[in-house]
């Protein structure tokens, strides 16, 4: 499968690159904050428009100096994004005017096809400042206001017209990689990408955005979402971290499958348990992935970890377990294969007779509470949907079923039907009693 053309947004810090990415993509992908240096990794989105498609890439702001935090790593990411670019969107700030740094930046991609865009052109008066940017040597600047969507549609049309028509990529899975800080999420994503796609550091909190990374498998383009490492809410430091946590939680909601990464060398914590509950509440198929397994002493067997995870994370006891070394690249692709299998499993539809045989077996093994005319009764069940599998059970009174019994039925349906490793949703509805058609005397 051919790689999509790349359009890279480049510019100084705080000119609005992340706002422009979000505006062109039509959703909030990149964190927007006045703090300099918020974006570190290459944040990207697939844009489909007017019969063509391309990968739009946001980069870190140029202007860090040697010795600044992550200077070398951010510079490598910027250089790679420029080298890969079919088109460079050179973003400047009309309100700040043409700066010396803008001239220095312009020299970095003279050999590229460049679209000069002046952000923060909020009104017609500010457009009077656009001619100043002619001196950069890229012709007339297009004035936009990314934060207010001003002239964004026109810019989107212009970019699409500069790229030859390409087939719209077949959508693969969206796989979110979730976990605490420093468990190896970015290392795992880089191992799949085959390059330093996201910055890896021992420093906690390196990843801030939820970074979409494309990988190809069996002719399908999957999107792996590297997320900021989560930590206890009481320890949140600033607005950037609040946005990072929100992006991570949103990544779970939008994912087809979740990779829940845990450091094998550490005990399961209360935060791990909270993450597990969050995944279960969203009813997402999940691979519990134990990273750094290569560091485990040989005396410990895989069965010990299976039992330990089952005991400490009972909310995800149905989820498959994978043991990997992201740093060495060991078994990382097996995780993606499991994700494919879980997604397929979550999309299975069951015939109504098979569902009701499974329901009858579950109720026979353990009857619902109550006796006599007020006992809880289950009549039949139907499947309402997939991803996740959703079932509707018709009963005499939904209020008569305890949460414990509902979980029992869910587990039994998962056991008796081909949903052994994915979450299911079971809802209850009152079955209408047939009307009394007897004639009154």
Protein backbone atom coordinates (compact mmCIF):
# COMPACT_ATOMS: atom_id res chain seq x y z
CA UNK A 1 0.00 0.00 0.00
CA UNK A 2 1.52 3.31 -1.10
CA UNK A 3 2.16 5.94 1.53
CA UNK A 4 -0.13 8.95 1.47
CA UNK A 5 1.34 12.35 0.53
CA UNK A 6 2.45 14.30 3.60
CA UNK A 7 1.58 17.94 4.27
CA UNK A 8 3.67 19.32 7.14
CA UNK A 9 2.87 22.44 9.16
CA UNK A 10 6.03 24.29 10.22
CA UNK A 11 6.59 27.56 12.07
CA UNK A 12 7.71 29.37 15.17
CA UNK A 13 6.34 28.62 18.62
CA UNK A 14 2.84 29.90 19.33
CA UNK A 15 1.90 30.88 15.78
CA UNK A 16 -1.07 28.47 15.92
CA UNK A 17 0.17 25.28 14.22
CA UNK A 18 -1.87 23.02 16.47
CA UNK A 19 -4.96 25.20 16.00
CA UNK A 20 -4.51 24.94 12.23
CA UNK A 21 -4.21 21.14 12.36
CA UNK A 22 -7.38 20.95 14.43
CA UNK A 23 -9.22 23.33 12.09
CA UNK A 24 -8.26 21.44 8.92
CA UNK A 25 -9.01 18.07 10.54
CA UNK A 26 -12.35 19.29 11.89
CA UNK A 27 -11.70 18.01 15.41
CA UNK A 28 -9.38 18.63 18.33
CA UNK A 29 -6.35 16.43 17.87
CA UNK A 30 -3.49 18.59 19.05
CA UNK A 31 -3.32 20.40 22.40
CA UNK A 32 -3.68 24.17 22.05
CA UNK A 33 -2.15 26.14 24.91
CA UNK A 34 -0.23 29.43 25.14
CA UNK A 35 2.63 27.66 26.92
CA UNK A 36 5.62 27.51 24.51
CA UNK A 37 6.79 24.04 23.50
CA UNK A 38 3.55 22.16 24.17
CA UNK A 39 3.76 20.13 20.94
CA UNK A 40 6.82 17.87 20.90
CA UNK A 41 5.90 14.91 18.72
CA UNK A 42 4.59 14.82 15.19
CA UNK A 43 0.82 14.87 15.58
CA UNK A 44 -0.99 13.85 12.41
CA UNK A 45 -4.41 13.30 10.86
CA UNK A 46 -5.63 11.79 7.61
CA UNK A 47 -7.44 14.46 5.57
CA UNK A 48 -9.81 13.35 2.80
CA UNK A 49 -11.12 16.15 0.61
CA UNK A 50 -12.22 16.58 -3.01
CA UNK A 51 -11.29 13.08 -4.13
CA UNK A 52 -7.86 12.93 -2.60
CA UNK A 53 -6.23 12.16 0.73
CA UNK A 54 -3.09 13.18 2.56
CA UNK A 55 -1.48 12.98 5.98
CA UNK A 56 -1.43 16.36 7.71
CA UNK A 57 1.38 16.66 10.25
CA UNK A 58 1.78 19.18 13.08
CA UNK A 59 5.32 19.75 14.38
CA UNK A 60 6.92 21.27 17.44
CA UNK A 61 7.52 25.00 17.38
CA UNK A 62 10.89 26.10 16.03
CA UNK A 63 12.76 28.34 18.42
CA UNK A 64 14.11 26.04 21.10
CA UNK A 65 17.81 26.50 21.78
CA UNK A 66 20.54 23.91 22.42
CA UNK A 67 20.26 22.95 26.05
CA UNK A 68 16.49 23.45 26.21
CA UNK A 69 14.40 20.47 27.29
CA UNK A 70 13.98 17.98 24.39
CA UNK A 71 15.72 20.36 21.95
CA UNK A 72 17.49 17.60 19.98
CA UNK A 73 14.47 15.26 19.99
CA UNK A 74 12.05 17.95 18.79
CA UNK A 75 14.50 19.09 16.09
CA UNK A 76 14.80 15.50 14.80
CA UNK A 77 11.01 15.26 14.61
CA UNK A 78 10.78 18.56 12.70
CA UNK A 79 13.54 17.62 10.24
CA UNK A 80 11.93 14.24 9.55
CA UNK A 81 8.53 15.86 9.01
CA UNK A 82 10.03 18.37 6.55
CA UNK A 83 11.98 15.66 4.71
CA UNK A 84 8.81 13.55 4.30
CA UNK A 85 6.66 16.49 3.18
CA UNK A 86 5.14 16.78 -0.28
CA UNK A 87 3.99 20.26 0.76
CA UNK A 88 5.19 22.46 3.63
CA UNK A 89 2.60 24.78 5.15
CA UNK A 90 4.78 27.58 6.50
CA UNK A 91 2.73 29.24 9.23
CA UNK A 92 3.47 32.78 10.36
CA UNK A 93 1.70 35.21 12.69
CA UNK A 94 0.27 38.30 10.97
CA UNK A 95 -0.12 40.08 14.29
CA UNK A 96 3.56 39.58 15.19
CA UNK A 97 4.77 40.48 11.70
CA UNK A 98 7.66 38.97 9.77
CA UNK A 99 10.45 38.14 12.23
CA UNK A 100 14.13 37.27 11.92
CA UNK A 101 13.30 33.72 13.01
CA UNK A 102 10.75 33.45 10.18
CA UNK A 103 13.58 34.18 7.72
CA UNK A 104 15.79 31.54 9.35
CA UNK A 105 13.00 28.99 9.17
CA UNK A 106 12.33 29.77 5.49
CA UNK A 107 15.87 28.71 4.62
CA UNK A 108 15.17 25.16 5.85
CA UNK A 109 12.83 24.17 3.00
CA UNK A 110 13.71 26.22 -0.09
CA UNK A 111 13.68 23.01 -2.13
CA UNK A 112 10.09 22.17 -1.08
CA UNK A 113 6.68 23.11 -2.41
CA UNK A 114 5.56 25.72 0.14
CA UNK A 115 2.20 27.26 1.01
CA UNK A 116 2.70 30.40 3.09
CA UNK A 117 -0.13 30.94 5.57
CA UNK A 118 -0.51 33.89 7.95
CA UNK A 119 -2.52 32.90 11.00
CA UNK A 120 -4.49 35.19 13.36
CA UNK A 121 -5.81 37.22 10.41
CA UNK A 122 -9.03 37.77 12.30
CA UNK A 123 -10.42 40.60 10.17
CA UNK A 124 -9.97 42.68 7.01
CA UNK A 125 -7.84 45.28 8.79
CA UNK A 126 -5.27 42.63 9.72
CA UNK A 127 -5.08 41.52 6.07
CA UNK A 128 -3.21 44.78 5.41
CA UNK A 129 -0.20 43.15 7.07
CA UNK A 130 -0.04 40.21 4.65
CA UNK A 131 2.22 41.89 2.01
CA UNK A 132 5.01 42.10 4.61
CA UNK A 133 5.58 38.37 4.22
CA UNK A 134 6.50 38.63 0.52
CA UNK A 135 10.09 39.11 1.67
CA UNK A 136 10.20 35.45 2.75
CA UNK A 137 10.24 34.48 -0.92
CA UNK A 138 7.17 32.28 -1.09
CA UNK A 139 4.75 34.67 -2.75
CA UNK A 140 1.51 35.91 -1.25
CA UNK A 141 0.52 34.70 2.20
CA UNK A 142 -2.98 33.28 2.68
CA UNK A 143 -4.61 34.95 5.66
CA UNK A 144 -6.53 32.64 8.00
CA UNK A 145 -7.75 32.62 11.59
CA UNK A 146 -7.56 28.98 12.65
CA UNK A 147 -9.19 29.59 16.02
CA UNK A 148 -12.27 31.09 14.31
CA UNK A 149 -12.24 28.89 11.14
CA UNK A 150 -11.81 32.01 8.98
CA UNK A 151 -10.73 31.06 5.41
CA UNK A 152 -10.03 27.46 6.48
CA UNK A 153 -12.32 25.99 3.80
CA UNK A 154 -10.43 27.92 1.11
CA UNK A 155 -7.08 26.68 2.42
CA UNK A 156 -8.37 23.11 2.49
CA UNK A 157 -9.46 23.44 -1.15
CA UNK A 158 -6.07 24.85 -2.12
CA UNK A 159 -4.12 22.03 -0.50
CA UNK A 160 -6.32 19.36 -2.10
CA UNK A 161 -5.82 20.96 -5.54
CA UNK A 162 -2.03 20.67 -5.15
CA UNK A 163 -2.10 16.92 -4.48
CA UNK A 164 -2.86 14.42 -7.26
CA UNK A 165 -5.92 12.25 -6.65
CA UNK A 166 -5.06 9.21 -4.57
CA UNK A 167 -7.27 6.33 -3.42
CA UNK A 168 -9.00 7.02 -0.15
CA UNK A 169 -7.31 4.61 2.31
CA UNK A 170 -9.31 1.70 3.63
CA UNK A 171 -10.00 2.27 7.28
CA UNK A 172 -8.24 -0.12 9.59
CA UNK A 173 -8.53 -0.28 13.34
CA UNK A 174 -8.05 2.63 15.69
CA UNK A 175 -5.98 1.21 18.55
CA UNK A 176 -5.38 3.34 21.65
CA UNK A 177 -2.32 2.56 23.78
CA UNK A 178 -3.20 3.42 27.38
CA UNK A 179 -1.34 3.15 30.65
CA UNK A 180 0.50 4.91 33.43
CA UNK A 181 3.61 6.98 32.83
CA UNK A 182 6.85 5.30 31.77
CA UNK A 183 5.41 1.86 31.07
CA UNK A 184 6.77 1.89 27.49
CA UNK A 185 3.83 3.09 25.38
CA UNK A 186 5.90 5.30 23.07
CA UNK A 187 8.58 2.63 22.71
CA UNK A 188 5.87 0.17 21.67
CA UNK A 189 4.45 2.60 19.08
CA UNK A 190 7.91 3.31 17.65
CA UNK A 191 8.61 -0.43 17.37
CA UNK A 192 5.45 -0.82 15.26
CA UNK A 193 6.24 2.27 13.16
CA UNK A 194 9.84 1.17 12.56
CA UNK A 195 11.14 4.67 13.39
CA UNK A 196 11.28 7.25 16.18
CA UNK A 197 7.76 8.41 15.51
CA UNK A 198 7.24 9.70 19.06
CA UNK A 199 9.83 10.92 21.53
CA UNK A 200 10.97 8.37 24.12
CA UNK A 201 12.48 9.59 27.38
CA UNK A 202 12.91 8.40 30.94
CA UNK A 203 11.43 11.75 32.00
CA UNK A 204 7.78 11.30 33.07
CA UNK A 205 5.20 13.17 31.02
CA UNK A 206 7.18 13.29 27.76
CA UNK A 207 4.15 12.47 25.60
CA UNK A 208 1.48 15.18 25.89
CA UNK A 209 -0.78 14.84 22.87
CA UNK A 210 -2.64 11.74 21.79
CA UNK A 211 -0.45 11.02 18.77
CA UNK A 212 -1.93 9.15 15.79
CA UNK A 213 0.64 6.92 14.08
CA UNK A 214 -0.19 4.99 10.91
CA UNK A 215 0.96 1.42 10.48
CA UNK A 216 0.15 -1.02 7.70
CA UNK A 217 -0.80 -4.63 8.20
CA UNK A 218 -2.22 -7.00 5.59
CA UNK A 219 -3.12 -4.13 3.26
CA UNK A 220 -5.00 -2.18 5.94
CA UNK A 221 -3.90 1.10 7.48
CA UNK A 222 -4.32 0.95 11.24
CA UNK A 223 -4.01 4.02 13.43
CA UNK A 224 -2.09 3.50 16.66
CA UNK A 225 -2.79 6.24 19.20
CA UNK A 226 0.05 6.90 21.63
CA UNK A 227 -1.36 8.67 24.66
CA UNK A 228 -0.01 10.65 27.58
CA UNK A 229 0.76 8.52 30.61
CA UNK A 230 -1.96 8.78 33.23
CA UNK A 231 -1.38 9.44 36.92
CA UNK A 232 -3.53 10.15 39.96
CA UNK A 233 -5.86 13.10 39.42
CA UNK A 234 -4.70 14.77 42.62
CA UNK A 235 -1.23 15.16 41.12
CA UNK A 236 -2.25 17.02 37.96
CA UNK A 237 0.19 19.91 37.51
CA UNK A 238 -1.17 22.36 34.93
CA UNK A 239 -3.60 22.96 32.08
CA UNK A 240 -1.40 21.05 29.62
CA UNK A 241 -1.59 17.91 31.75
CA UNK A 242 -5.34 18.33 32.16
CA UNK A 243 -5.68 18.45 28.37
CA UNK A 244 -3.35 15.44 28.06
CA UNK A 245 -5.50 13.38 30.43
CA UNK A 246 -8.66 14.44 28.59
CA UNK A 247 -7.06 13.37 25.27
CA UNK A 248 -6.14 9.99 26.74
CA UNK A 249 -9.65 9.39 28.02
CA UNK A 250 -11.10 10.50 24.68
CA UNK A 251 -8.71 8.11 22.90
CA UNK A 252 -10.30 5.22 24.82
CA UNK A 253 -13.81 6.33 23.82
CA UNK A 254 -12.88 6.65 20.13
CA UNK A 255 -10.83 3.45 19.90
CA UNK A 256 -11.91 0.21 18.27
CA UNK A 257 -9.55 -1.73 20.53
CA UNK A 258 -7.41 -0.69 23.52
CA UNK A 259 -3.89 -1.85 24.39
CA UNK A 260 -3.65 -1.48 28.17
CA UNK A 261 0.07 -1.44 28.93
CA UNK A 262 1.49 -2.38 32.32
CA UNK A 263 5.12 -2.52 33.45
CA UNK A 264 5.82 -6.17 34.28
CA UNK A 265 8.42 -5.13 36.85
CA UNK A 266 5.91 -3.14 38.93
CA UNK A 267 2.91 -4.17 40.98
CA UNK A 268 -0.59 -3.36 39.76
CA UNK A 269 -1.63 -0.11 41.42
CA UNK A 270 -4.92 1.59 42.22
CA UNK A 271 -4.36 3.76 39.13
CA UNK A 272 -4.07 0.64 36.96
CA UNK A 273 -7.34 -0.56 38.43
CA UNK A 274 -8.98 2.79 37.67
CA UNK A 275 -7.75 2.61 34.08
CA UNK A 276 -9.12 -0.93 33.84
CA UNK A 277 -12.54 0.23 35.08
CA UNK A 278 -12.48 3.11 32.59
CA UNK A 279 -11.87 0.69 29.71
CA UNK A 280 -14.59 -1.68 30.92
CA UNK A 281 -17.10 1.15 31.36
CA UNK A 282 -16.52 2.15 27.74
CA UNK A 283 -17.00 -1.52 26.74
CA UNK A 284 -13.85 -1.59 24.61
CA UNK A 285 -12.07 -4.81 23.61
CA UNK A 286 -8.70 -4.71 25.32
CA UNK A 287 -5.36 -6.51 25.27
CA UNK A 288 -3.68 -6.32 28.67
CA UNK A 289 -0.05 -5.97 27.61
CA UNK A 290 2.76 -6.66 30.06
CA UNK A 291 5.82 -4.78 28.82
CA UNK A 292 9.48 -5.32 29.81
CA UNK A 293 8.88 -9.07 30.12
CA UNK A 294 12.49 -9.63 29.03
CA UNK A 295 13.59 -8.30 32.44
CA UNK A 296 11.60 -10.91 34.38
CA UNK A 297 13.78 -13.58 36.08
CA UNK A 298 13.47 -16.99 34.45
CA UNK A 299 12.07 -18.55 37.63
CA UNK A 300 8.75 -16.75 37.05
CA UNK A 301 6.37 -18.43 34.60
CA UNK A 302 3.74 -16.78 32.39
CA UNK A 303 1.03 -18.60 34.36
CA UNK A 304 2.03 -16.67 37.48
CA UNK A 305 1.36 -13.38 35.69
CA UNK A 306 -1.94 -14.63 34.28
CA UNK A 307 -3.12 -15.50 37.79
CA UNK A 308 -1.78 -12.24 39.25
CA UNK A 309 -3.47 -10.03 36.65
CA UNK A 310 -6.72 -11.99 36.99
CA UNK A 311 -6.63 -11.43 40.75
CA UNK A 312 -5.63 -7.75 40.72
CA UNK A 313 -7.67 -6.67 37.66
CA UNK A 314 -10.82 -8.80 37.95
CA UNK A 315 -12.84 -6.23 35.98
CA UNK A 316 -10.84 -7.30 32.89
CA UNK A 317 -10.53 -10.99 33.67
CA UNK A 318 -11.95 -11.90 30.24
CA UNK A 319 -9.26 -9.89 28.38
CA UNK A 320 -6.35 -11.69 26.70
CA UNK A 321 -2.88 -11.16 28.12
CA UNK A 322 0.22 -10.46 26.02
CA UNK A 323 3.81 -10.35 27.27
CA UNK A 324 6.21 -8.27 25.22
CA UNK A 325 9.47 -6.35 25.16
CA UNK A 326 8.77 -3.11 23.31
CA UNK A 327 12.42 -2.06 23.55
CA UNK A 328 13.57 -5.23 21.76
CA UNK A 329 10.52 -5.34 19.49
CA UNK A 330 9.63 -8.83 20.76
CA UNK A 331 6.03 -9.89 20.07
CA UNK A 332 4.80 -6.33 19.43
CA UNK A 333 3.06 -7.37 16.20
CA UNK A 334 1.34 -10.23 18.02
CA UNK A 335 -0.48 -7.55 20.02
CA UNK A 336 -1.86 -6.08 16.79
CA UNK A 337 -2.92 -9.55 15.63
CA UNK A 338 -4.82 -10.00 18.89
CA UNK A 339 -6.45 -6.59 18.36
CA UNK A 340 -7.66 -7.76 14.93
CA UNK A 341 -9.08 -10.92 16.47
CA UNK A 342 -10.85 -9.04 19.26
CA UNK A 343 -12.41 -6.59 16.83
CA UNK A 344 -13.71 -9.47 14.71
CA UNK A 345 -15.03 -11.21 17.82
CA UNK A 346 -16.81 -8.04 18.92
CA UNK A 347 -18.58 -7.87 15.56
CA UNK A 348 -20.17 -11.34 15.63
CA UNK A 349 -23.95 -11.62 15.39
CA UNK A 350 -25.74 -14.55 17.02
CA UNK A 351 -29.03 -16.09 16.00
CA UNK A 352 -31.91 -15.57 18.41
CA UNK A 353 -32.37 -19.32 19.09
CA UNK A 354 -28.66 -19.69 20.01
CA UNK A 355 -28.86 -16.67 22.31
CA UNK A 356 -31.91 -17.98 24.10
CA UNK A 357 -30.40 -21.43 24.56
CA UNK A 358 -27.41 -19.74 26.21
CA UNK A 359 -29.74 -17.61 28.36
CA UNK A 360 -31.76 -20.67 29.42
CA UNK A 361 -28.57 -22.50 30.42
CA UNK A 362 -27.41 -19.50 32.49
CA UNK A 363 -30.76 -19.12 34.29
CA UNK A 364 -30.96 -22.87 34.92
CA UNK A 365 -27.48 -22.84 36.49
CA UNK A 366 -28.44 -19.95 38.76
CA UNK A 367 -31.97 -18.63 39.14
CA UNK A 368 -32.64 -14.94 39.70
CA UNK A 369 -33.68 -13.76 43.13
CA UNK A 370 -37.16 -13.91 44.63
CA UNK A 371 -39.93 -16.46 44.88
CA UNK A 372 -43.56 -16.73 44.03
CA UNK A 373 -45.43 -14.26 41.81
CA UNK A 374 -42.88 -11.49 42.46
CA UNK A 375 -39.81 -13.52 41.49
CA UNK A 376 -37.54 -12.05 38.85
CA UNK A 377 -38.16 -13.77 35.52
CA UNK A 378 -36.23 -13.67 32.24
CA UNK A 379 -38.33 -14.47 29.16
CA UNK A 380 -36.02 -14.13 26.16
CA UNK A 381 -33.08 -12.13 24.78
CA UNK A 382 -32.24 -10.52 21.44
CA UNK A 383 -29.07 -8.99 20.05
CA UNK A 384 -29.28 -5.24 19.45
CA UNK A 385 -25.88 -4.51 17.92
CA UNK A 386 -22.16 -5.11 17.68
CA UNK A 387 -18.94 -3.30 18.66
CA UNK A 388 -19.62 -3.97 21.46
CA UNK A 389 -22.10 -6.86 21.32
CA UNK A 390 -25.31 -5.52 22.84
CA UNK A 391 -28.18 -7.65 24.10
CA UNK A 392 -31.67 -6.84 25.32
CA UNK A 393 -33.32 -9.23 27.77
CA UNK A 394 -37.08 -9.05 28.20
CA UNK A 395 -38.09 -9.63 31.84
CA UNK A 396 -41.08 -9.18 34.12
CA UNK A 397 -39.47 -6.34 36.13
CA UNK A 398 -35.98 -4.87 35.38
CA UNK A 399 -35.79 -3.56 38.96
CA UNK A 400 -35.86 -7.10 40.31
CA UNK A 401 -32.37 -7.91 38.99
CA UNK A 402 -29.38 -7.05 41.14
CA UNK A 403 -26.13 -5.76 39.69
CA UNK A 404 -24.45 -8.98 40.80
CA UNK A 405 -26.93 -11.12 38.86
CA UNK A 406 -26.62 -8.92 35.76
CA UNK A 407 -22.83 -9.41 35.85
CA UNK A 408 -23.40 -13.14 36.25
CA UNK A 409 -25.59 -13.24 33.15
CA UNK A 410 -23.09 -11.18 31.16
CA UNK A 411 -20.28 -13.55 32.12
CA UNK A 412 -22.37 -16.60 31.25
CA UNK A 413 -23.43 -15.20 27.88
CA UNK A 414 -19.78 -14.44 27.18
CA UNK A 415 -18.91 -18.01 28.18
CA UNK A 416 -21.63 -19.77 26.18
CA UNK A 417 -21.43 -17.53 23.10
CA UNK A 418 -18.35 -16.66 20.99
CA UNK A 419 -17.50 -13.53 22.99
CA UNK A 420 -15.00 -15.09 25.39
CA UNK A 421 -12.48 -12.23 25.28
CA UNK A 422 -14.56 -9.09 24.70
CA UNK A 423 -16.97 -7.03 26.82
CA UNK A 424 -20.70 -7.24 26.19
CA UNK A 425 -23.62 -5.05 27.20
CA UNK A 426 -26.79 -6.57 28.61
CA UNK A 427 -29.83 -4.37 29.06
CA UNK A 428 -33.26 -5.19 30.47
CA UNK A 429 -36.73 -4.23 29.30
CA UNK A 430 -40.14 -5.06 30.72
CA UNK A 431 -42.10 -7.52 28.61
CA UNK A 432 -45.62 -6.23 28.10
CA UNK A 433 -48.24 -8.55 29.47
CA UNK A 434 -50.85 -9.67 26.94
CA UNK A 435 -54.10 -7.86 27.27
CA UNK A 436 -57.01 -9.73 28.86
CA UNK A 437 -59.34 -10.43 25.95
CA UNK A 438 -61.99 -12.24 27.98
CA UNK A 439 -65.43 -10.70 27.74
CA UNK A 440 -66.79 -9.10 30.85
CA UNK A 441 -70.27 -10.11 31.99
